Amino acid sequence: MERLNNWSSSRGDPSTLFIVSLGSLPTQLAGDDFWLDLNKVLLVLKTRYGASIYELSCNERAVFIKTTEMSRIGIVSDLKLDLLRLIQEHLPDHFGLVDQSRLLRAIDLAIKRQNAIQFLERCRDQEAKGSREQAKLRRLHHNDIARVEELYKKIGDRDFSRAFVHGQRIAVINPCGPAKSFMKECFVKMDILKKHVFSDVELRGSGNVFNQLTISLDRFLLGGFEHINPNGLKCSINVNVETVFTYAFKAFLEKTPPEIFANIVFEFRQDNILQHFDQFEIACNLIASRNGSVAVDAIFPETVGIVNLSRLRINMAKIFWRQGADVSLDKCREYIKSLLDSGTMIALARVDDEAGITLGHSLGISLFQGFYIDSILPKES
């Protein structure tokens, strides 16, 4: 942190900060060889580029390198490949957990030094909360779902919603205009649930058991909706395709007034849609028949267009902002324009710096969500 605070381009300080983050992986399951091989990967950067390497936390490393624009691209490509090989070699059962946008970040300090400082502050705060306390975690079991079921029955809809349901606003930001709240997305906050219910459990990499847990959590989210959104304001809720075919969703349809249901956007992850595509079409038709709205969530920039959103009865698409998104989305400019022209709203999510807004505006997008958006929206009353 001291090095970032005192950074100066005029002194010829390293121009790029690379952040390696393994936080999405159950690294406590890895043996010593995993960490030795990680150190070898980073040592190559020190030998080849004169990199300075810092341990931010158990799972994060910071690497300072003096780069050109072209060498930065090459380093990102090579380092990402080395990290993916490392994960496949030592944690093959968890390879699917990798989010490339978070595995490796390259921050140009000449224009985004403040973003780098904010990121390191978040790493420090997470470490202070005990991110190292993972040594004795076990895998999620089916009987763990019963644990959260029992908690839900014990404390009820209202208290469960107050304790574990989180809201994050989606903002409308027009060029040269202020950020204005558009609606709030509501979802069960997994890190809070883990802290209070699953402190001894590794939730990541638990396969179908984790999917079954999220379906149970969907039921609790629906059950507590009147407490989450008592005024019936426009909002979105994150659910699985399977949830639409549960008795809990049927009950939700029956008890929710039509005017409130029409204010709800149901968000489904793109990977969940691809897994249950036929069922998703039925779910869309059911929700549309009640004047509700549907969003496709968790669309990575590189996968825009894989699902033909124009064919589906959806109202919104949420694309994750990540490094390299400008290149991927620029190739989809015409497709994005066709969606917007047809009336499909598009939001850029996980926006953590102003570059995401700039890119969005260049594509005609005016809806944004993420930590950076939280920081520029007016405080809620």
Protein backbone atom coordinates (compact mmCIF):
# COMPACT_ATOMS: atom_id res chain seq x y z
CA MET A 1 0.00 0.00 0.00
CA GLU A 2 2.84 2.37 0.83
CA ARG A 3 4.36 1.79 -2.59
CA LEU A 4 1.07 2.65 -4.31
CA ASN A 5 0.54 5.77 -2.23
CA ASN A 6 4.02 7.02 -3.13
CA TRP A 7 3.90 5.91 -6.76
CA SER A 8 5.18 8.35 -9.41
CA SER A 9 5.48 7.86 -13.15
CA SER A 10 8.19 10.53 -13.31
CA ARG A 11 10.52 8.32 -11.23
CA GLY A 12 10.04 5.44 -13.64
CA ASP A 13 8.10 3.37 -11.10
CA PRO A 14 6.48 0.12 -12.38
CA SER A 15 3.55 1.06 -14.57
CA THR A 16 1.27 -1.95 -14.03
CA LEU A 17 -0.03 -3.70 -10.94
CA PHE A 18 -1.08 -7.31 -11.55
CA ILE A 19 -3.38 -8.87 -8.96
CA VAL A 20 -3.50 -12.67 -8.78
CA SER A 21 -6.59 -13.77 -6.85
CA LEU A 22 -7.37 -17.38 -5.98
CA GLY A 23 -10.22 -16.49 -3.65
CA SER A 24 -12.86 -18.35 -5.67
CA LEU A 25 -11.02 -21.64 -5.11
CA PRO A 26 -10.89 -23.90 -2.03
CA THR A 27 -7.13 -23.46 -1.74
CA GLN A 28 -7.08 -25.01 1.74
CA LEU A 29 -7.58 -28.33 -0.07
CA ALA A 30 -4.36 -27.83 -2.04
CA GLY A 31 -1.09 -29.37 -0.91
CA ASP A 32 2.28 -27.71 -0.49
CA ASP A 33 3.13 -28.47 -4.12
CA PHE A 34 0.37 -26.08 -5.23
CA TRP A 35 1.97 -23.15 -3.39
CA LEU A 36 5.47 -24.12 -4.52
CA ASP A 37 4.32 -24.17 -8.15
CA LEU A 38 2.53 -20.83 -7.71
CA ASN A 39 5.75 -19.32 -6.40
CA LYS A 40 7.63 -20.73 -9.42
CA VAL A 41 5.13 -19.06 -11.78
CA LEU A 42 5.61 -15.72 -10.04
CA LEU A 43 9.38 -16.15 -9.87
CA VAL A 44 9.45 -16.29 -13.68
CA LEU A 45 7.99 -12.76 -13.69
CA LYS A 46 10.69 -11.60 -11.29
CA THR A 47 13.44 -13.14 -13.41
CA ARG A 48 12.09 -12.07 -16.78
CA TYR A 49 10.64 -8.63 -16.01
CA GLY A 50 12.19 -7.58 -12.70
CA ALA A 51 8.83 -7.88 -10.99
CA SER A 52 8.28 -6.99 -7.34
CA ILE A 53 5.95 -9.50 -5.64
CA TYR A 54 3.88 -9.00 -2.48
CA GLU A 55 1.58 -11.34 -0.54
CA LEU A 56 -1.68 -9.49 0.12
CA SER A 57 -3.44 -12.41 1.79
CA CYS A 58 -3.44 -16.17 1.76
CA ASN A 59 -5.05 -16.17 -1.69
CA GLU A 60 -3.93 -12.86 -3.24
CA ARG A 61 -0.63 -11.70 -4.66
CA ALA A 62 0.32 -8.26 -5.99
CA VAL A 63 2.94 -8.00 -8.75
CA PHE A 64 4.48 -4.68 -9.87
CA ILE A 65 6.03 -4.66 -13.36
CA LYS A 66 7.22 -1.89 -15.64
CA THR A 67 5.41 -2.56 -18.93
CA THR A 68 4.46 -1.18 -22.29
CA GLU A 69 0.93 -1.64 -23.59
CA MET A 70 2.02 -4.55 -25.77
CA SER A 71 4.10 -6.28 -23.08
CA ARG A 72 1.19 -5.96 -20.64
CA ILE A 73 -1.06 -7.88 -23.03
CA GLY A 74 1.57 -10.61 -23.40
CA ILE A 75 2.11 -10.89 -19.64
CA VAL A 76 -1.64 -11.20 -18.99
CA SER A 77 -1.96 -13.94 -21.61
CA ASP A 78 1.04 -15.94 -20.39
CA LEU A 79 0.31 -15.56 -16.69
CA LYS A 80 -3.35 -16.48 -17.07
CA LEU A 81 -2.38 -19.62 -18.97
CA ASP A 82 0.15 -20.57 -16.27
CA LEU A 83 -2.44 -20.03 -13.52
CA LEU A 84 -5.07 -22.12 -15.29
CA ARG A 85 -2.54 -24.94 -15.75
CA LEU A 86 -1.71 -24.69 -12.05
CA ILE A 87 -5.38 -25.00 -11.07
CA GLN A 88 -6.04 -27.88 -13.45
CA GLU A 89 -3.00 -29.73 -12.14
CA HIS A 90 -3.66 -29.31 -8.43
CA LEU A 91 -7.41 -28.61 -8.11
CA PRO A 92 -8.95 -30.30 -11.17
CA ASP A 93 -12.35 -30.85 -9.52
CA HIS A 94 -12.67 -27.10 -9.01
CA PHE A 95 -11.50 -25.85 -12.42
CA GLY A 96 -15.05 -24.78 -13.27
CA LEU A 97 -15.07 -22.31 -10.38
CA VAL A 98 -12.49 -20.07 -12.06
CA ASP A 99 -13.70 -16.58 -12.92
CA GLN A 100 -11.00 -15.26 -15.24
CA SER A 101 -11.96 -11.65 -14.61
CA ARG A 102 -11.06 -12.11 -10.93
CA LEU A 103 -8.25 -14.63 -11.31
CA LEU A 104 -5.98 -11.97 -12.82
CA ARG A 105 -6.35 -8.22 -13.00
CA ALA A 106 -3.93 -5.83 -14.69
CA ILE A 107 -4.24 -2.24 -13.47
CA ASP A 108 -2.58 0.60 -15.37
CA LEU A 109 -1.29 2.77 -12.54
CA ALA A 110 -0.96 5.83 -14.74
CA ILE A 111 -4.75 6.12 -15.01
CA LYS A 112 -6.21 3.76 -12.39
CA ARG A 113 -3.98 4.05 -9.34
CA GLN A 114 -6.94 4.96 -7.14
CA ASN A 115 -8.74 1.79 -8.24
CA ALA A 116 -5.68 -0.22 -7.27
CA ILE A 117 -5.60 1.41 -3.82
CA GLN A 118 -9.30 0.69 -3.27
CA PHE A 119 -8.83 -2.94 -4.29
CA LEU A 120 -5.92 -3.43 -1.90
CA GLU A 121 -7.94 -1.84 0.90
CA ARG A 122 -10.73 -4.38 0.27
CA CYS A 123 -8.15 -7.20 0.39
CA ARG A 124 -6.84 -5.87 3.69
CA ASP A 125 -10.34 -5.62 5.17
CA GLN A 126 -11.22 -9.16 4.11
CA GLU A 127 -8.01 -10.48 5.61
CA ALA A 128 -8.78 -8.66 8.85
CA LYS A 129 -12.15 -10.44 9.00
CA GLY A 130 -10.40 -13.77 9.10
CA SER A 131 -9.97 -14.96 5.53
CA ARG A 132 -7.10 -17.14 6.74
CA GLU A 133 -9.36 -19.23 8.98
CA GLN A 134 -10.02 -21.95 6.39
CA ALA A 135 -7.76 -24.77 7.48
CA LYS A 136 -10.42 -27.21 8.76
CA LEU A 137 -13.31 -26.60 6.37
CA ARG A 138 -15.18 -29.61 4.98
CA ARG A 139 -17.28 -30.05 1.87
CA LEU A 140 -20.98 -29.19 1.82
CA HIS A 141 -23.28 -32.15 2.57
CA HIS A 142 -27.01 -32.66 2.01
CA ASN A 143 -27.62 -32.52 5.76
CA ASP A 144 -26.18 -28.98 5.75
CA ILE A 145 -29.21 -27.89 3.76
CA ALA A 146 -31.32 -29.18 6.66
CA ARG A 147 -29.31 -26.86 8.97
CA VAL A 148 -30.35 -23.75 7.10
CA GLU A 149 -33.90 -25.10 6.74
CA GLU A 150 -34.09 -25.43 10.53
CA LEU A 151 -32.75 -21.91 10.99
CA TYR A 152 -35.33 -20.54 8.57
CA LYS A 153 -38.17 -22.28 10.41
CA LYS A 154 -36.85 -21.06 13.75
CA ILE A 155 -36.49 -17.36 12.95
CA GLY A 156 -39.11 -16.99 10.20
CA ASP A 157 -39.40 -15.04 6.95
CA ARG A 158 -38.89 -11.57 8.34
CA ASP A 159 -35.81 -12.18 10.47
CA PHE A 160 -34.17 -14.44 7.88
CA SER A 161 -34.62 -11.72 5.25
CA ARG A 162 -33.23 -9.03 7.54
CA ALA A 163 -30.21 -11.13 8.43
CA PHE A 164 -29.23 -12.74 5.14
CA VAL A 165 -30.82 -10.92 2.18
CA HIS A 166 -28.75 -8.17 0.62
CA GLY A 167 -29.71 -5.47 -1.87
CA GLN A 168 -27.55 -3.78 -4.48
CA ARG A 169 -28.88 -0.99 -6.63
CA ILE A 170 -28.76 -0.81 -10.42
CA ALA A 171 -28.32 2.76 -11.62
CA VAL A 172 -29.25 4.74 -14.69
CA ILE A 173 -26.28 6.83 -15.76
CA ASN A 174 -26.60 8.89 -18.90
CA PRO A 175 -23.62 10.70 -20.47
CA CYS A 176 -22.88 13.88 -18.51
CA GLY A 177 -25.70 13.05 -16.09
CA PRO A 178 -25.74 12.00 -12.43
CA ALA A 179 -26.24 8.40 -11.32
CA LYS A 180 -29.87 7.69 -10.42
CA SER A 181 -31.22 4.56 -8.80
CA PHE A 182 -33.24 2.42 -11.23
CA MET A 183 -34.05 -0.62 -9.11
CA LYS A 184 -32.56 -2.85 -6.46
CA GLU A 185 -31.41 -6.45 -6.93
CA CYS A 186 -32.15 -8.68 -3.92
CA PHE A 187 -30.27 -11.90 -3.20
CA VAL A 188 -29.13 -14.07 -0.31
CA LYS A 189 -25.64 -12.94 0.71
CA MET A 190 -23.60 -16.13 0.78
CA ASP A 191 -20.68 -14.76 2.80
CA ILE A 192 -23.03 -13.72 5.63
CA LEU A 193 -24.78 -17.10 5.51
CA LYS A 194 -21.41 -18.83 5.61
CA LYS A 195 -20.27 -16.80 8.59
CA HIS A 196 -23.33 -17.59 10.70
CA VAL A 197 -24.49 -20.99 9.45
CA PHE A 198 -21.68 -22.66 7.49
CA SER A 199 -18.56 -21.45 9.27
CA ASP A 200 -17.13 -24.99 9.12
CA VAL A 201 -18.11 -25.66 5.50
CA GLU A 202 -16.41 -24.95 2.16
CA LEU A 203 -19.33 -23.90 -0.04
CA ARG A 204 -17.27 -23.56 -3.22
CA GLY A 205 -16.80 -26.59 -5.41
CA SER A 206 -19.69 -28.53 -3.88
CA GLY A 207 -21.38 -29.31 -7.20
CA ASN A 208 -25.02 -30.31 -7.23
CA VAL A 209 -25.33 -30.10 -3.44
CA PHE A 210 -24.63 -26.37 -3.66
CA ASN A 211 -27.22 -26.05 -6.45
CA GLN A 212 -29.79 -27.73 -4.21
CA LEU A 213 -28.87 -25.31 -1.42
CA THR A 214 -29.47 -22.31 -3.69
CA ILE A 215 -32.90 -23.65 -4.66
CA SER A 216 -33.79 -23.81 -0.95
CA LEU A 217 -32.48 -20.25 -0.53
CA ASP A 218 -34.66 -19.16 -3.47
CA ARG A 219 -37.67 -20.47 -1.54
CA PHE A 220 -36.69 -18.41 1.51
CA LEU A 221 -36.17 -15.34 -0.69
CA LEU A 222 -39.66 -15.71 -2.16
CA GLY A 223 -41.16 -16.37 1.26
CA GLY A 224 -39.72 -13.18 2.69
CA PHE A 225 -40.32 -10.96 -0.31
CA GLU A 226 -42.94 -8.79 1.41
CA HIS A 227 -40.35 -7.96 4.08
CA ILE A 228 -37.56 -7.40 1.56
CA ASN A 229 -39.63 -5.06 -0.58
CA PRO A 230 -42.58 -3.94 1.56
CA ASN A 231 -43.51 -1.04 -0.71
CA GLY A 232 -43.62 -3.13 -3.88
CA LEU A 233 -41.00 -0.98 -5.62
CA LYS A 234 -39.32 -2.10 -8.83
CA CYS A 235 -36.71 -4.71 -7.96
CA SER A 236 -35.05 -7.87 -9.21
CA ILE A 237 -34.54 -11.20 -7.49
CA ASN A 238 -31.98 -13.85 -8.37
CA VAL A 239 -33.43 -17.36 -8.72
CA ASN A 240 -32.76 -20.68 -10.43
CA VAL A 241 -34.79 -21.95 -13.37
CA GLU A 242 -35.78 -24.99 -11.25
CA THR A 243 -37.30 -22.69 -8.62
CA VAL A 244 -40.07 -21.57 -10.97
CA PHE A 245 -41.43 -25.13 -10.89
CA THR A 246 -41.61 -25.42 -7.10
CA TYR A 247 -44.69 -25.14 -4.90
CA ALA A 248 -43.01 -22.16 -3.25
CA PHE A 249 -43.08 -20.25 -6.55
CA LYS A 250 -46.70 -21.30 -7.13
CA ALA A 251 -47.59 -19.90 -3.71
CA PHE A 252 -45.65 -16.72 -4.50
CA LEU A 253 -47.67 -16.27 -7.70
CA GLU A 254 -50.92 -16.71 -5.82
CA LYS A 255 -50.20 -14.29 -2.97
CA THR A 256 -48.37 -11.51 -4.86
CA PRO A 257 -50.72 -8.76 -6.16
CA PRO A 258 -50.53 -8.30 -9.96
CA GLU A 259 -49.30 -4.71 -9.71
CA ILE A 260 -46.39 -5.79 -7.49
CA PHE A 261 -45.55 -8.84 -9.58
CA ALA A 262 -45.31 -6.55 -12.62
CA ASN A 263 -42.55 -4.64 -10.79
CA ILE A 264 -40.35 -7.71 -10.35
CA VAL A 265 -37.51 -8.74 -12.65
CA PHE A 266 -36.56 -12.40 -12.22
CA GLU A 267 -32.85 -12.89 -12.91
CA PHE A 268 -31.58 -16.26 -14.17
CA ARG A 269 -27.88 -17.01 -14.69
CA GLN A 270 -26.89 -17.77 -18.27
CA ASP A 271 -25.22 -21.07 -17.33
CA ASN A 272 -28.37 -22.17 -15.48
CA ILE A 273 -30.44 -21.30 -18.55
CA LEU A 274 -28.23 -23.35 -20.85
CA GLN A 275 -28.50 -26.30 -18.48
CA HIS A 276 -32.31 -26.15 -18.44
CA PHE A 277 -33.14 -24.40 -21.70
CA ASP A 278 -36.54 -25.98 -22.41
CA GLN A 279 -37.69 -25.36 -18.85
CA PHE A 280 -36.45 -21.77 -19.08
CA GLU A 281 -38.72 -21.07 -22.04
CA ILE A 282 -41.69 -22.35 -20.06
CA ALA A 283 -40.62 -20.24 -17.07
CA CYS A 284 -40.39 -17.13 -19.25
CA ASN A 285 -43.88 -17.71 -20.61
CA LEU A 286 -45.29 -18.17 -17.11
CA ILE A 287 -43.68 -15.00 -15.77
CA ALA A 288 -44.68 -12.99 -18.85
CA SER A 289 -48.28 -14.20 -18.51
CA ARG A 290 -48.37 -12.42 -15.14
CA ASN A 291 -46.70 -9.27 -16.58
CA GLY A 292 -43.45 -9.97 -14.76
CA SER A 293 -40.05 -9.43 -16.35
CA VAL A 294 -37.11 -11.76 -17.00
CA ALA A 295 -33.38 -11.01 -17.07
CA VAL A 296 -30.48 -13.15 -18.19
CA ASP A 297 -27.76 -12.65 -15.60
CA ALA A 298 -24.04 -13.48 -15.47
CA ILE A 299 -23.29 -13.06 -19.17
CA PHE A 300 -19.54 -12.88 -19.67
CA PRO A 301 -18.42 -10.51 -22.45
CA GLU A 302 -16.87 -13.37 -24.43
CA THR A 303 -20.19 -15.26 -24.41
CA VAL A 304 -22.46 -12.46 -25.62
CA GLY A 305 -24.51 -13.90 -28.47
CA ILE A 306 -24.10 -17.58 -27.53
CA VAL A 307 -27.68 -17.56 -26.29
CA ASN A 308 -29.90 -15.90 -28.88
CA LEU A 309 -31.60 -13.48 -26.52
CA SER A 310 -33.78 -12.12 -29.33
CA ARG A 311 -35.63 -15.47 -29.46
CA LEU A 312 -36.45 -15.48 -25.76
CA ARG A 313 -39.12 -13.57 -23.92
CA ILE A 314 -36.67 -11.59 -21.84
CA ASN A 315 -36.61 -7.95 -20.84
CA MET A 316 -33.05 -7.46 -19.62
CA ALA A 317 -29.54 -8.81 -20.13
CA LYS A 318 -26.81 -8.31 -17.52
CA ILE A 319 -23.25 -8.47 -18.80
CA PHE A 320 -20.34 -8.72 -16.38
CA TRP A 321 -17.76 -5.97 -16.73
CA ARG A 322 -14.23 -7.36 -16.65
CA GLN A 323 -10.81 -6.64 -18.06
CA GLY A 324 -10.77 -7.13 -21.81
CA ALA A 325 -14.52 -6.53 -22.03
CA ASP A 326 -13.94 -3.58 -24.35
CA VAL A 327 -12.41 -5.85 -26.99
CA SER A 328 -15.06 -8.57 -26.70
CA LEU A 329 -18.05 -6.23 -26.58
CA ASP A 330 -16.81 -4.06 -29.42
CA LYS A 331 -17.08 -7.12 -31.67
CA CYS A 332 -20.72 -7.46 -30.57
CA ARG A 333 -21.60 -3.80 -31.11
CA GLU A 334 -24.23 -4.48 -33.78
CA TYR A 335 -25.79 -7.32 -31.80
CA ILE A 336 -26.01 -5.16 -28.67
CA LYS A 337 -27.58 -2.35 -30.70
CA SER A 338 -30.18 -4.76 -32.11
CA LEU A 339 -31.12 -5.86 -28.59
CA LEU A 340 -31.44 -2.28 -27.38
CA ASP A 341 -33.46 -1.33 -30.46
CA SER A 342 -35.83 -4.22 -29.80
CA GLY A 343 -36.50 -2.94 -26.29
CA THR A 344 -34.26 -5.29 -24.31
CA MET A 345 -32.55 -3.42 -21.49
CA ILE A 346 -28.84 -4.13 -21.04
CA ALA A 347 -26.93 -3.53 -17.81
CA LEU A 348 -23.20 -3.77 -17.17
CA ALA A 349 -22.70 -5.45 -13.78
CA ARG A 350 -19.63 -5.75 -11.52
CA VAL A 351 -18.44 -2.34 -12.65
CA ASP A 352 -15.50 -1.43 -10.41
CA ASP A 353 -14.17 1.65 -12.20
CA GLU A 354 -15.24 4.48 -14.49
CA ALA A 355 -13.94 2.65 -17.57
CA GLY A 356 -16.99 0.37 -17.41
CA ILE A 357 -19.32 3.35 -17.66
CA THR A 358 -17.33 4.83 -20.54
CA LEU A 359 -17.51 1.56 -22.46
CA GLY A 360 -21.20 1.17 -21.70
CA HIS A 361 -21.99 4.63 -23.04
CA SER A 362 -20.05 3.90 -26.23
CA LEU A 363 -22.35 0.90 -26.77
CA GLY A 364 -25.56 2.77 -25.93
CA ILE A 365 -25.85 1.18 -22.46
CA SER A 366 -27.06 3.34 -19.57
CA LEU A 367 -27.71 0.80 -16.78
CA PHE A 368 -24.84 -0.10 -14.43
CA GLN A 369 -24.23 -2.04 -11.22
CA GLY A 370 -21.18 -2.74 -9.06
CA PHE A 371 -18.97 -1.47 -6.23
CA TYR A 372 -18.02 1.66 -8.17
CA ILE A 373 -21.68 2.42 -8.86
CA ASP A 374 -22.46 2.01 -5.15
CA SER A 375 -19.82 4.64 -4.40
CA ILE A 376 -21.28 7.31 -6.73
CA LEU A 377 -24.98 6.81 -6.05
CA PRO A 378 -26.57 9.11 -3.46
CA LYS A 379 -26.92 7.43 -0.07
CA GLU A 380 -30.26 5.77 0.56
CA SER A 381 -32.49 7.54 3.04
